[in-house]
Each structure stands twice: as structure tokens, then as C-alpha cells.
Amino acid sequence: MRVTSDAADERRLMTCVANGDAQAFAQLVTRHTPMVHGIAWRMLGDAVEAEDVVQETFTKMWVNARGWTPAGGGLGGWLRRISTNACLDRLRRPRFVSDQGLPERVDEAAPADLAIDAARRRDAVAASIQALPDRQRAAIVLTYYEGVSNAEAASILNIGVKAVESLLVRGRQSLTQSLAAKGLLAEGGRE
């Protein structure tokens, strides 16, 4: 299917959603849930919170369908903006802190040195991303994990392209320092 037909199909489906069509809504939810969930999970690092952001994003899509226009990044761009803003709102809220540690998760996979090392690296990268300031994290997630352009990330974050580029530079520097401190990068910042 061509990009133009996808955009036309999404405009048609959004018109139906604006008129209360639950089937059109379900099609769009099915189509865009992986992207919205991916953004939320990477930004929040919590599956339950990510599910809440998915629900919040699609609730806003349903409620605001009449006001949607296919400008900018189309429906996908609009949903990225809603989900990113929902994540940033959640990150700004005070969080409950417990003195009890999280229970350890049992690894059901067969033990293998490579799998353990890969999981250690993946966890270290995820923890380093979680440690970034909110805006830097959003810029990194949108550009590197979601593959959006700097211009689209700037639109989603409601800032200029130069500001996104600055956030990316600072975010990459912080990630490099964090991963080097954990012994995961060789000299020169590369593995």
C-alpha cells in the first residue's frame, strides 16, 4: 500500500471516528498501538504506566477526533505528540518511593553467556536512558527508537530543530559517559 493511500485511509477513518464509528476507531488503535506503546515504554520504563499512556492517547484521539487535521506528521505524528506529552506529564508527577526493593524476575531462558551479556548491556542502556533528563530522553526515544526526523521531534516537543539537536548532543554525551563508567564502552566511546 502506498503512503498516500495510507494517509487517505487514515483521514477517512478519522472522519468516521469523529462521527462515532467504533470499528474505525478499533482499526486505528490496532494500527498505532505498537508505536504508542513503544514510545511510552521507552520513556517511562514501566509496562503498566506505558499501558496507561496508550489508553490515555487513544481516549484523546476519540474525544478530539473532530478537531484533528492531517497536518504535520499526519495521524502518526499527532499520536506521537499526545503520547510523548502524556509521558512527560507522568515523569513530572511526584512518584511513590518505597524502601523495599523490586522483586527479581526469574529468567526462564536457558542460561547462555551471550544472552546474559546482551541482557546486561540492554539493561545498562535502558537505565542510562532512564537517567537522562526528561527532554533529552524524549529526544533520544523519538529520534533513535521511533525513527522520527529532528524536525518532527521538534514539532512533537514543541521546540525548535536546533533545540532538539542540542538535546540529542547532550543526551548522547551523557549516555556515553554513563556507559563508559559502567565499563560498556571501549576507548573513544565505541565498543
N, C-alpha and C. Protein backbone atom coordinates (compact mmCIF):
# COMPACT_ATOMS: atom_id res chain seq x y z
N MET A 1 0.85 -1.18 0.00
CA MET A 1 0.00 0.00 0.00
C MET A 1 0.89 1.24 0.00
N ARG A 2 0.58 2.20 -0.82
CA ARG A 2 1.38 3.42 -0.91
C ARG A 2 1.12 4.32 0.28
N VAL A 3 2.10 5.23 0.53
CA VAL A 3 2.00 6.16 1.66
C VAL A 3 0.78 7.05 1.49
N THR A 4 0.54 7.54 0.26
CA THR A 4 -0.60 8.43 0.05
C THR A 4 -1.91 7.72 0.34
N SER A 5 -2.02 6.43 -0.03
CA SER A 5 -3.26 5.72 0.25
C SER A 5 -3.41 5.47 1.75
N ASP A 6 -2.29 5.25 2.45
CA ASP A 6 -2.36 5.10 3.91
C ASP A 6 -2.86 6.39 4.54
N ALA A 7 -2.32 7.52 4.09
CA ALA A 7 -2.75 8.82 4.63
C ALA A 7 -4.22 9.07 4.32
N ALA A 8 -4.63 8.75 3.11
CA ALA A 8 -6.04 8.93 2.74
C ALA A 8 -6.94 8.00 3.55
N ASP A 9 -6.47 6.78 3.76
CA ASP A 9 -7.23 5.82 4.57
C ASP A 9 -7.36 6.31 6.02
N GLU A 10 -6.28 6.86 6.56
CA GLU A 10 -6.34 7.37 7.94
C GLU A 10 -7.25 8.59 8.04
N ARG A 11 -7.24 9.45 7.03
CA ARG A 11 -8.17 10.61 7.03
C ARG A 11 -9.61 10.11 7.01
N ARG A 12 -9.86 9.11 6.17
CA ARG A 12 -11.22 8.55 6.07
C ARG A 12 -11.63 7.92 7.40
N LEU A 13 -10.72 7.15 8.00
CA LEU A 13 -11.03 6.51 9.28
C LEU A 13 -11.24 7.54 10.38
N MET A 14 -10.43 8.61 10.39
CA MET A 14 -10.60 9.65 11.42
C MET A 14 -11.93 10.38 11.23
N THR A 15 -12.37 10.56 10.01
CA THR A 15 -13.68 11.16 9.77
C THR A 15 -14.76 10.26 10.35
N CYS A 16 -14.61 8.96 10.16
CA CYS A 16 -15.57 8.01 10.72
C CYS A 16 -15.53 8.04 12.26
N VAL A 17 -14.32 8.11 12.83
CA VAL A 17 -14.19 8.18 14.29
C VAL A 17 -14.87 9.44 14.81
N ALA A 18 -14.69 10.54 14.10
CA ALA A 18 -15.31 11.80 14.51
C ALA A 18 -16.83 11.69 14.53
N ASN A 19 -17.36 10.77 13.72
CA ASN A 19 -18.81 10.55 13.68
C ASN A 19 -19.24 9.40 14.58
N GLY A 20 -18.32 8.93 15.45
CA GLY A 20 -18.68 7.91 16.44
C GLY A 20 -18.55 6.47 15.98
N ASP A 21 -17.81 6.21 14.91
CA ASP A 21 -17.66 4.86 14.37
C ASP A 21 -16.63 4.08 15.19
N ALA A 22 -17.11 3.13 15.99
CA ALA A 22 -16.23 2.35 16.87
C ALA A 22 -15.34 1.40 16.07
N GLN A 23 -15.80 0.89 14.94
CA GLN A 23 -14.98 -0.02 14.13
C GLN A 23 -13.79 0.72 13.53
N ALA A 24 -14.01 1.93 13.05
CA ALA A 24 -12.90 2.72 12.51
C ALA A 24 -11.90 3.03 13.62
N PHE A 25 -12.41 3.34 14.79
CA PHE A 25 -11.55 3.60 15.95
C PHE A 25 -10.71 2.37 16.26
N ALA A 26 -11.33 1.19 16.27
CA ALA A 26 -10.62 -0.05 16.57
C ALA A 26 -9.52 -0.31 15.55
N GLN A 27 -9.77 -0.02 14.28
CA GLN A 27 -8.75 -0.21 13.24
C GLN A 27 -7.54 0.68 13.50
N LEU A 28 -7.80 1.94 13.85
CA LEU A 28 -6.70 2.87 14.11
C LEU A 28 -5.94 2.49 15.38
N VAL A 29 -6.66 2.04 16.39
CA VAL A 29 -6.00 1.60 17.63
C VAL A 29 -5.08 0.42 17.33
N THR A 30 -5.58 -0.55 16.59
CA THR A 30 -4.78 -1.72 16.23
C THR A 30 -3.54 -1.31 15.43
N ARG A 31 -3.70 -0.40 14.53
CA ARG A 31 -2.62 0.05 13.66
C ARG A 31 -1.53 0.81 14.43
N HIS A 32 -1.92 1.64 15.40
CA HIS A 32 -0.96 2.56 16.04
C HIS A 32 -0.54 2.17 17.46
N THR A 33 -1.16 1.15 18.04
CA THR A 33 -0.80 0.75 19.40
C THR A 33 0.68 0.38 19.54
N PRO A 34 1.27 -0.39 18.63
CA PRO A 34 2.70 -0.72 18.82
C PRO A 34 3.60 0.52 18.92
N MET A 35 3.35 1.52 18.09
CA MET A 35 4.15 2.73 18.11
C MET A 35 3.96 3.50 19.41
N VAL A 36 2.70 3.70 19.81
CA VAL A 36 2.41 4.46 21.02
C VAL A 36 2.96 3.74 22.25
N HIS A 37 2.78 2.44 22.31
CA HIS A 37 3.29 1.66 23.44
C HIS A 37 4.82 1.71 23.47
N GLY A 38 5.46 1.63 22.32
CA GLY A 38 6.92 1.69 22.26
C GLY A 38 7.46 3.00 22.81
N ILE A 39 6.85 4.11 22.43
CA ILE A 39 7.27 5.41 22.96
C ILE A 39 7.11 5.43 24.47
N ALA A 40 5.94 5.03 24.94
CA ALA A 40 5.64 5.10 26.37
C ALA A 40 6.55 4.19 27.18
N TRP A 41 6.77 2.99 26.71
CA TRP A 41 7.61 2.05 27.45
C TRP A 41 9.04 2.56 27.53
N ARG A 42 9.56 3.07 26.41
CA ARG A 42 10.94 3.55 26.41
C ARG A 42 11.11 4.80 27.26
N MET A 43 10.09 5.65 27.27
CA MET A 43 10.21 6.88 28.05
C MET A 43 9.99 6.63 29.54
N LEU A 44 9.10 5.71 29.88
CA LEU A 44 8.73 5.52 31.28
C LEU A 44 9.41 4.32 31.92
N GLY A 45 9.79 3.33 31.12
CA GLY A 45 10.44 2.15 31.67
C GLY A 45 9.54 1.31 32.56
N ASP A 46 8.24 1.42 32.37
CA ASP A 46 7.27 0.73 33.22
C ASP A 46 6.11 0.28 32.34
N ALA A 47 5.88 -1.03 32.28
CA ALA A 47 4.86 -1.58 31.39
C ALA A 47 3.45 -1.11 31.76
N VAL A 48 3.16 -1.03 33.06
CA VAL A 48 1.83 -0.60 33.50
C VAL A 48 1.59 0.86 33.13
N GLU A 49 2.59 1.71 33.40
CA GLU A 49 2.47 3.12 33.04
C GLU A 49 2.34 3.27 31.53
N ALA A 50 3.08 2.46 30.78
CA ALA A 50 3.01 2.53 29.32
C ALA A 50 1.60 2.18 28.83
N GLU A 51 0.99 1.16 29.42
CA GLU A 51 -0.38 0.80 29.05
C GLU A 51 -1.35 1.95 29.35
N ASP A 52 -1.13 2.62 30.48
CA ASP A 52 -1.98 3.76 30.83
C ASP A 52 -1.83 4.88 29.81
N VAL A 53 -0.61 5.12 29.34
CA VAL A 53 -0.38 6.15 28.32
C VAL A 53 -1.06 5.75 27.01
N VAL A 54 -1.01 4.47 26.66
CA VAL A 54 -1.70 4.01 25.45
C VAL A 54 -3.19 4.31 25.56
N GLN A 55 -3.78 3.96 26.70
CA GLN A 55 -5.22 4.22 26.88
C GLN A 55 -5.52 5.71 26.83
N GLU A 56 -4.69 6.50 27.50
CA GLU A 56 -4.89 7.94 27.52
C GLU A 56 -4.78 8.54 26.11
N THR A 57 -3.80 8.07 25.34
CA THR A 57 -3.59 8.57 23.99
C THR A 57 -4.80 8.28 23.11
N PHE A 58 -5.30 7.06 23.16
CA PHE A 58 -6.42 6.71 22.29
C PHE A 58 -7.74 7.30 22.79
N THR A 59 -7.84 7.52 24.07
CA THR A 59 -9.02 8.23 24.58
C THR A 59 -9.04 9.65 24.03
N LYS A 60 -7.87 10.30 24.04
CA LYS A 60 -7.78 11.66 23.49
C LYS A 60 -8.06 11.66 21.99
N MET A 61 -7.60 10.61 21.29
CA MET A 61 -7.89 10.52 19.86
C MET A 61 -9.40 10.45 19.65
N TRP A 62 -10.10 9.65 20.43
CA TRP A 62 -11.56 9.50 20.29
C TRP A 62 -12.27 10.82 20.59
N VAL A 63 -11.90 11.44 21.70
CA VAL A 63 -12.56 12.66 22.15
C VAL A 63 -12.28 13.83 21.20
N ASN A 64 -11.07 13.91 20.67
CA ASN A 64 -10.67 15.06 19.86
C ASN A 64 -10.65 14.77 18.36
N ALA A 65 -11.29 13.71 17.94
CA ALA A 65 -11.26 13.33 16.52
C ALA A 65 -11.84 14.42 15.62
N ARG A 66 -12.85 15.12 16.07
CA ARG A 66 -13.45 16.17 15.23
C ARG A 66 -12.47 17.31 14.97
N GLY A 67 -11.57 17.59 15.90
CA GLY A 67 -10.64 18.69 15.75
C GLY A 67 -9.34 18.31 15.05
N TRP A 68 -9.15 17.02 14.75
CA TRP A 68 -7.91 16.58 14.13
C TRP A 68 -7.82 17.04 12.69
N THR A 69 -6.64 17.50 12.30
CA THR A 69 -6.37 17.85 10.91
C THR A 69 -5.12 17.08 10.49
N PRO A 70 -5.06 16.66 9.23
CA PRO A 70 -3.93 15.82 8.78
C PRO A 70 -2.66 16.62 8.51
N ALA A 71 -2.40 17.67 9.25
CA ALA A 71 -1.21 18.48 9.05
C ALA A 71 -0.01 17.83 9.74
N GLY A 72 1.16 18.33 9.44
CA GLY A 72 2.37 17.85 10.10
C GLY A 72 2.67 16.41 9.76
N GLY A 73 2.85 15.60 10.74
CA GLY A 73 3.21 14.20 10.54
C GLY A 73 2.01 13.29 10.37
N GLY A 74 0.85 13.85 10.07
CA GLY A 74 -0.34 13.03 9.91
C GLY A 74 -0.81 12.48 11.25
N LEU A 75 -1.59 11.42 11.19
CA LEU A 75 -2.14 10.83 12.41
C LEU A 75 -1.03 10.28 13.30
N GLY A 76 -0.03 9.63 12.70
CA GLY A 76 1.07 9.09 13.49
C GLY A 76 1.81 10.18 14.26
N GLY A 77 2.07 11.29 13.62
CA GLY A 77 2.73 12.41 14.28
C GLY A 77 1.90 12.98 15.41
N TRP A 78 0.58 13.07 15.17
CA TRP A 78 -0.33 13.59 16.20
C TRP A 78 -0.34 12.66 17.41
N LEU A 79 -0.41 11.35 17.17
CA LEU A 79 -0.42 10.38 18.26
C LEU A 79 0.92 10.36 18.99
N ARG A 80 2.04 10.54 18.26
CA ARG A 80 3.35 10.64 18.92
C ARG A 80 3.38 11.83 19.86
N ARG A 81 2.83 12.96 19.41
CA ARG A 81 2.82 14.16 20.24
C ARG A 81 1.99 13.93 21.51
N ILE A 82 0.80 13.34 21.34
CA ILE A 82 -0.07 13.08 22.50
C ILE A 82 0.63 12.14 23.48
N SER A 83 1.20 11.04 22.97
CA SER A 83 1.81 10.06 23.87
C SER A 83 3.07 10.62 24.52
N THR A 84 3.87 11.36 23.78
CA THR A 84 5.08 11.96 24.36
C THR A 84 4.71 12.94 25.46
N ASN A 85 3.72 13.78 25.21
CA ASN A 85 3.28 14.74 26.23
C ASN A 85 2.71 14.02 27.45
N ALA A 86 1.98 12.93 27.23
CA ALA A 86 1.44 12.16 28.36
C ALA A 86 2.59 11.58 29.19
N CYS A 87 3.64 11.11 28.51
CA CYS A 87 4.81 10.57 29.23
C CYS A 87 5.51 11.67 30.02
N LEU A 88 5.71 12.82 29.38
CA LEU A 88 6.37 13.93 30.08
C LEU A 88 5.56 14.37 31.29
N ASP A 89 4.22 14.38 31.16
CA ASP A 89 3.37 14.72 32.30
C ASP A 89 3.56 13.72 33.44
N ARG A 90 3.62 12.44 33.10
CA ARG A 90 3.80 11.42 34.13
C ARG A 90 5.18 11.53 34.78
N LEU A 91 6.18 11.86 33.99
CA LEU A 91 7.53 12.00 34.54
C LEU A 91 7.65 13.19 35.48
N ARG A 92 6.83 14.20 35.29
CA ARG A 92 6.86 15.39 36.15
C ARG A 92 6.13 15.18 37.47
N ARG A 93 5.23 14.19 37.51
CA ARG A 93 4.46 13.94 38.73
C ARG A 93 5.34 13.36 39.82
N PRO A 94 5.04 13.71 41.07
CA PRO A 94 5.80 13.06 42.15
C PRO A 94 5.50 11.56 42.15
N ARG A 95 6.49 10.79 42.48
CA ARG A 95 6.34 9.34 42.46
C ARG A 95 6.44 8.78 43.87
N PHE A 96 5.75 7.70 44.08
CA PHE A 96 5.81 6.98 45.35
C PHE A 96 7.16 6.25 45.41
N VAL A 97 7.85 6.41 46.49
CA VAL A 97 9.13 5.73 46.67
C VAL A 97 9.00 4.79 47.86
N SER A 98 9.38 3.56 47.65
CA SER A 98 9.31 2.55 48.70
C SER A 98 10.71 2.18 49.15
N ASP A 99 10.82 1.74 50.39
CA ASP A 99 12.12 1.30 50.87
C ASP A 99 12.36 -0.18 50.55
N GLN A 100 11.37 -0.82 49.95
CA GLN A 100 11.51 -2.22 49.57
C GLN A 100 11.98 -2.30 48.12
N GLY A 101 12.89 -3.19 47.86
CA GLY A 101 13.38 -3.39 46.51
C GLY A 101 12.36 -4.10 45.65
N LEU A 102 12.53 -4.00 44.36
CA LEU A 102 11.65 -4.70 43.43
C LEU A 102 11.98 -6.19 43.46
N PRO A 103 10.97 -7.03 43.35
CA PRO A 103 11.26 -8.46 43.31
C PRO A 103 12.03 -8.80 42.03
N GLU A 104 12.93 -9.75 42.13
CA GLU A 104 13.70 -10.14 40.96
C GLU A 104 12.83 -10.98 40.04
N ARG A 105 13.06 -10.79 38.76
CA ARG A 105 12.34 -11.54 37.75
C ARG A 105 13.11 -12.81 37.42
N VAL A 106 12.42 -13.91 37.33
CA VAL A 106 13.06 -15.17 37.01
C VAL A 106 13.25 -15.24 35.49
N ASP A 107 14.48 -15.57 35.09
CA ASP A 107 14.78 -15.73 33.68
C ASP A 107 14.51 -17.17 33.30
N GLU A 108 13.52 -17.39 32.47
CA GLU A 108 13.13 -18.74 32.10
C GLU A 108 13.92 -19.28 30.91
N ALA A 109 14.71 -18.42 30.28
CA ALA A 109 15.51 -18.86 29.13
C ALA A 109 16.68 -19.69 29.63
N ALA A 110 17.15 -20.56 28.75
CA ALA A 110 18.31 -21.38 29.09
C ALA A 110 19.52 -20.46 29.29
N PRO A 111 20.33 -20.71 30.31
CA PRO A 111 21.48 -19.82 30.54
C PRO A 111 22.47 -19.89 29.38
N ALA A 112 22.94 -18.70 28.98
CA ALA A 112 23.93 -18.62 27.92
C ALA A 112 24.72 -17.34 28.13
N ASP A 113 26.04 -17.44 28.03
CA ASP A 113 26.90 -16.28 28.29
C ASP A 113 26.53 -15.10 27.41
N LEU A 114 26.28 -15.35 26.16
CA LEU A 114 25.97 -14.25 25.25
C LEU A 114 24.64 -13.59 25.59
N ALA A 115 23.67 -14.40 25.96
CA ALA A 115 22.36 -13.84 26.31
C ALA A 115 22.46 -13.01 27.58
N ILE A 116 23.24 -13.46 28.53
CA ILE A 116 23.41 -12.72 29.78
C ILE A 116 24.12 -11.40 29.52
N ASP A 117 25.18 -11.45 28.72
CA ASP A 117 25.92 -10.23 28.40
C ASP A 117 25.04 -9.25 27.64
N ALA A 118 24.26 -9.75 26.68
CA ALA A 118 23.37 -8.87 25.92
C ALA A 118 22.31 -8.25 26.82
N ALA A 119 21.77 -9.04 27.74
CA ALA A 119 20.76 -8.51 28.67
C ALA A 119 21.38 -7.46 29.59
N ARG A 120 22.62 -7.69 30.04
CA ARG A 120 23.31 -6.72 30.88
C ARG A 120 23.51 -5.40 30.14
N ARG A 121 23.92 -5.49 28.92
CA ARG A 121 24.12 -4.28 28.11
C ARG A 121 22.79 -3.57 27.86
N ARG A 122 21.78 -4.34 27.51
CA ARG A 122 20.46 -3.76 27.24
C ARG A 122 19.91 -3.06 28.48
N ASP A 123 20.06 -3.71 29.64
CA ASP A 123 19.60 -3.10 30.89
C ASP A 123 20.39 -1.85 31.23
N ALA A 124 21.69 -1.88 30.98
CA ALA A 124 22.52 -0.71 31.26
C ALA A 124 22.15 0.45 30.36
N VAL A 125 21.89 0.16 29.10
CA VAL A 125 21.47 1.22 28.17
C VAL A 125 20.10 1.77 28.60
N ALA A 126 19.18 0.89 28.93
CA ALA A 126 17.85 1.34 29.36
C ALA A 126 17.94 2.17 30.64
N ALA A 127 18.77 1.75 31.58
CA ALA A 127 18.93 2.51 32.82
C ALA A 127 19.58 3.86 32.54
N SER A 128 20.53 3.87 31.64
CA SER A 128 21.18 5.14 31.28
C SER A 128 20.20 6.08 30.60
N ILE A 129 19.34 5.54 29.76
CA ILE A 129 18.32 6.37 29.11
C ILE A 129 17.35 6.90 30.15
N GLN A 130 16.94 6.04 31.10
CA GLN A 130 16.02 6.47 32.15
C GLN A 130 16.63 7.57 33.02
N ALA A 131 17.95 7.59 33.14
CA ALA A 131 18.62 8.58 33.99
C ALA A 131 18.75 9.94 33.31
N LEU A 132 18.49 10.01 32.00
CA LEU A 132 18.58 11.29 31.29
C LEU A 132 17.48 12.24 31.75
N PRO A 133 17.72 13.54 31.67
CA PRO A 133 16.63 14.50 31.92
C PRO A 133 15.49 14.23 30.93
N ASP A 134 14.27 14.57 31.33
CA ASP A 134 13.06 14.21 30.57
C ASP A 134 13.13 14.61 29.10
N ARG A 135 13.50 15.85 28.80
CA ARG A 135 13.51 16.33 27.42
C ARG A 135 14.59 15.63 26.59
N GLN A 136 15.74 15.37 27.19
CA GLN A 136 16.79 14.64 26.47
C GLN A 136 16.31 13.22 26.18
N ARG A 137 15.67 12.61 27.17
CA ARG A 137 15.15 11.25 26.98
C ARG A 137 14.13 11.23 25.86
N ALA A 138 13.23 12.22 25.85
CA ALA A 138 12.20 12.28 24.80
C ALA A 138 12.85 12.42 23.43
N ALA A 139 13.85 13.28 23.31
CA ALA A 139 14.52 13.48 22.01
C ALA A 139 15.20 12.19 21.56
N ILE A 140 15.89 11.51 22.48
CA ILE A 140 16.58 10.25 22.14
C ILE A 140 15.56 9.18 21.73
N VAL A 141 14.50 9.01 22.49
CA VAL A 141 13.49 7.99 22.18
C VAL A 141 12.84 8.27 20.83
N LEU A 142 12.44 9.51 20.60
CA LEU A 142 11.75 9.84 19.36
C LEU A 142 12.65 9.65 18.14
N THR A 143 13.90 10.12 18.20
CA THR A 143 14.75 10.06 17.02
C THR A 143 15.39 8.69 16.81
N TYR A 144 15.89 8.07 17.88
CA TYR A 144 16.61 6.82 17.70
C TYR A 144 15.72 5.58 17.76
N TYR A 145 14.72 5.58 18.60
CA TYR A 145 13.87 4.39 18.72
C TYR A 145 12.65 4.46 17.82
N GLU A 146 12.08 5.64 17.66
CA GLU A 146 10.89 5.79 16.83
C GLU A 146 11.23 6.21 15.40
N GLY A 147 12.47 6.64 15.17
CA GLY A 147 12.92 6.96 13.82
C GLY A 147 12.33 8.23 13.23
N VAL A 148 11.84 9.14 14.06
CA VAL A 148 11.31 10.38 13.51
C VAL A 148 12.45 11.34 13.22
N SER A 149 12.23 12.24 12.29
CA SER A 149 13.24 13.23 11.95
C SER A 149 13.38 14.24 13.08
N ASN A 150 14.48 14.98 13.05
CA ASN A 150 14.67 16.03 14.05
C ASN A 150 13.55 17.06 13.95
N ALA A 151 13.11 17.37 12.73
CA ALA A 151 12.03 18.35 12.54
C ALA A 151 10.73 17.84 13.17
N GLU A 152 10.42 16.56 12.98
CA GLU A 152 9.20 16.02 13.57
C GLU A 152 9.31 15.94 15.09
N ALA A 153 10.50 15.58 15.59
CA ALA A 153 10.71 15.55 17.04
C ALA A 153 10.54 16.96 17.60
N ALA A 154 11.04 17.97 16.89
CA ALA A 154 10.89 19.36 17.33
C ALA A 154 9.42 19.74 17.40
N SER A 155 8.66 19.30 16.41
CA SER A 155 7.23 19.60 16.39
C SER A 155 6.52 18.90 17.56
N ILE A 156 6.86 17.65 17.80
CA ILE A 156 6.23 16.90 18.89
C ILE A 156 6.56 17.52 20.24
N LEU A 157 7.81 17.94 20.42
CA LEU A 157 8.24 18.51 21.69
C LEU A 157 7.95 20.01 21.79
N ASN A 158 7.45 20.57 20.69
CA ASN A 158 7.09 21.98 20.65
C ASN A 158 8.30 22.89 20.90
N ILE A 159 9.42 22.53 20.25
CA ILE A 159 10.64 23.33 20.34
C ILE A 159 11.25 23.41 18.95
N GLY A 160 12.32 24.17 18.79
CA GLY A 160 12.98 24.30 17.50
C GLY A 160 13.88 23.11 17.19
N VAL A 161 14.23 22.97 15.90
CA VAL A 161 15.09 21.88 15.46
C VAL A 161 16.46 21.99 16.12
N LYS A 162 16.99 23.20 16.23
CA LYS A 162 18.30 23.39 16.88
C LYS A 162 18.24 22.94 18.34
N ALA A 163 17.12 23.19 19.01
CA ALA A 163 16.97 22.76 20.40
C ALA A 163 16.95 21.24 20.48
N VAL A 164 16.30 20.57 19.53
CA VAL A 164 16.30 19.10 19.50
C VAL A 164 17.72 18.60 19.29
N GLU A 165 18.44 19.22 18.34
CA GLU A 165 19.81 18.80 18.07
C GLU A 165 20.68 18.97 19.32
N SER A 166 20.47 20.06 20.04
CA SER A 166 21.21 20.29 21.29
C SER A 166 20.87 19.23 22.33
N LEU A 167 19.57 18.90 22.45
CA LEU A 167 19.16 17.85 23.38
C LEU A 167 19.81 16.51 23.01
N LEU A 168 19.87 16.22 21.70
CA LEU A 168 20.47 14.96 21.25
C LEU A 168 21.96 14.92 21.56
N VAL A 169 22.65 16.03 21.32
CA VAL A 169 24.09 16.07 21.60
C VAL A 169 24.33 15.84 23.09
N ARG A 170 23.61 16.58 23.94
CA ARG A 170 23.79 16.42 25.38
C ARG A 170 23.38 15.03 25.84
N GLY A 171 22.30 14.51 25.27
CA GLY A 171 21.84 13.16 25.64
C GLY A 171 22.86 12.09 25.26
N ARG A 172 23.42 12.19 24.05
CA ARG A 172 24.43 11.21 23.62
C ARG A 172 25.69 11.31 24.49
N GLN A 173 26.08 12.54 24.84
CA GLN A 173 27.25 12.70 25.71
C GLN A 173 27.00 12.06 27.07
N SER A 174 25.83 12.30 27.62
CA SER A 174 25.51 11.70 28.93
C SER A 174 25.47 10.19 28.85
N LEU A 175 24.89 9.65 27.77
CA LEU A 175 24.83 8.19 27.60
C LEU A 175 26.24 7.62 27.45
N THR A 176 27.09 8.28 26.68
CA THR A 176 28.46 7.80 26.51
C THR A 176 29.19 7.77 27.84
N GLN A 177 29.05 8.84 28.63
CA GLN A 177 29.71 8.89 29.93
C GLN A 177 29.17 7.81 30.86
N SER A 178 27.86 7.65 30.86
CA SER A 178 27.24 6.66 31.74
C SER A 178 27.67 5.24 31.37
N LEU A 179 27.65 4.93 30.09
CA LEU A 179 28.02 3.58 29.65
C LEU A 179 29.52 3.33 29.82
N ALA A 180 30.34 4.37 29.62
CA ALA A 180 31.78 4.21 29.85
C ALA A 180 32.06 3.95 31.33
N ALA A 181 31.33 4.65 32.20
CA ALA A 181 31.51 4.45 33.65
C ALA A 181 31.11 3.03 34.06
N LYS A 182 30.21 2.42 33.31
CA LYS A 182 29.79 1.06 33.61
C LYS A 182 30.67 0.02 32.91
N GLY A 183 31.70 0.51 32.21
CA GLY A 183 32.64 -0.39 31.54
C GLY A 183 32.11 -1.01 30.27
N LEU A 184 31.10 -0.38 29.67
CA LEU A 184 30.49 -0.95 28.47
C LEU A 184 30.99 -0.33 27.18
N LEU A 185 31.86 0.67 27.26
CA LEU A 185 32.42 1.28 26.07
C LEU A 185 33.93 1.23 26.14
N ALA A 186 34.53 0.91 25.02
CA ALA A 186 35.99 0.92 24.95
C ALA A 186 36.46 2.36 24.76
N GLU A 187 37.75 2.56 24.70
CA GLU A 187 38.30 3.91 24.50
C GLU A 187 37.71 4.51 23.24
N GLY A 188 37.47 5.81 23.28
CA GLY A 188 36.93 6.52 22.13
C GLY A 188 35.43 6.49 22.08
N GLY A 189 34.75 5.88 23.07
CA GLY A 189 33.30 5.90 23.13
C GLY A 189 32.61 4.87 22.26
N ARG A 190 33.35 3.94 21.66
CA ARG A 190 32.74 2.90 20.83
C ARG A 190 33.13 1.53 21.38
N GLU A 191 32.24 0.58 21.13
CA GLU A 191 32.56 -0.79 21.56
C GLU A 191 33.55 -1.42 20.61
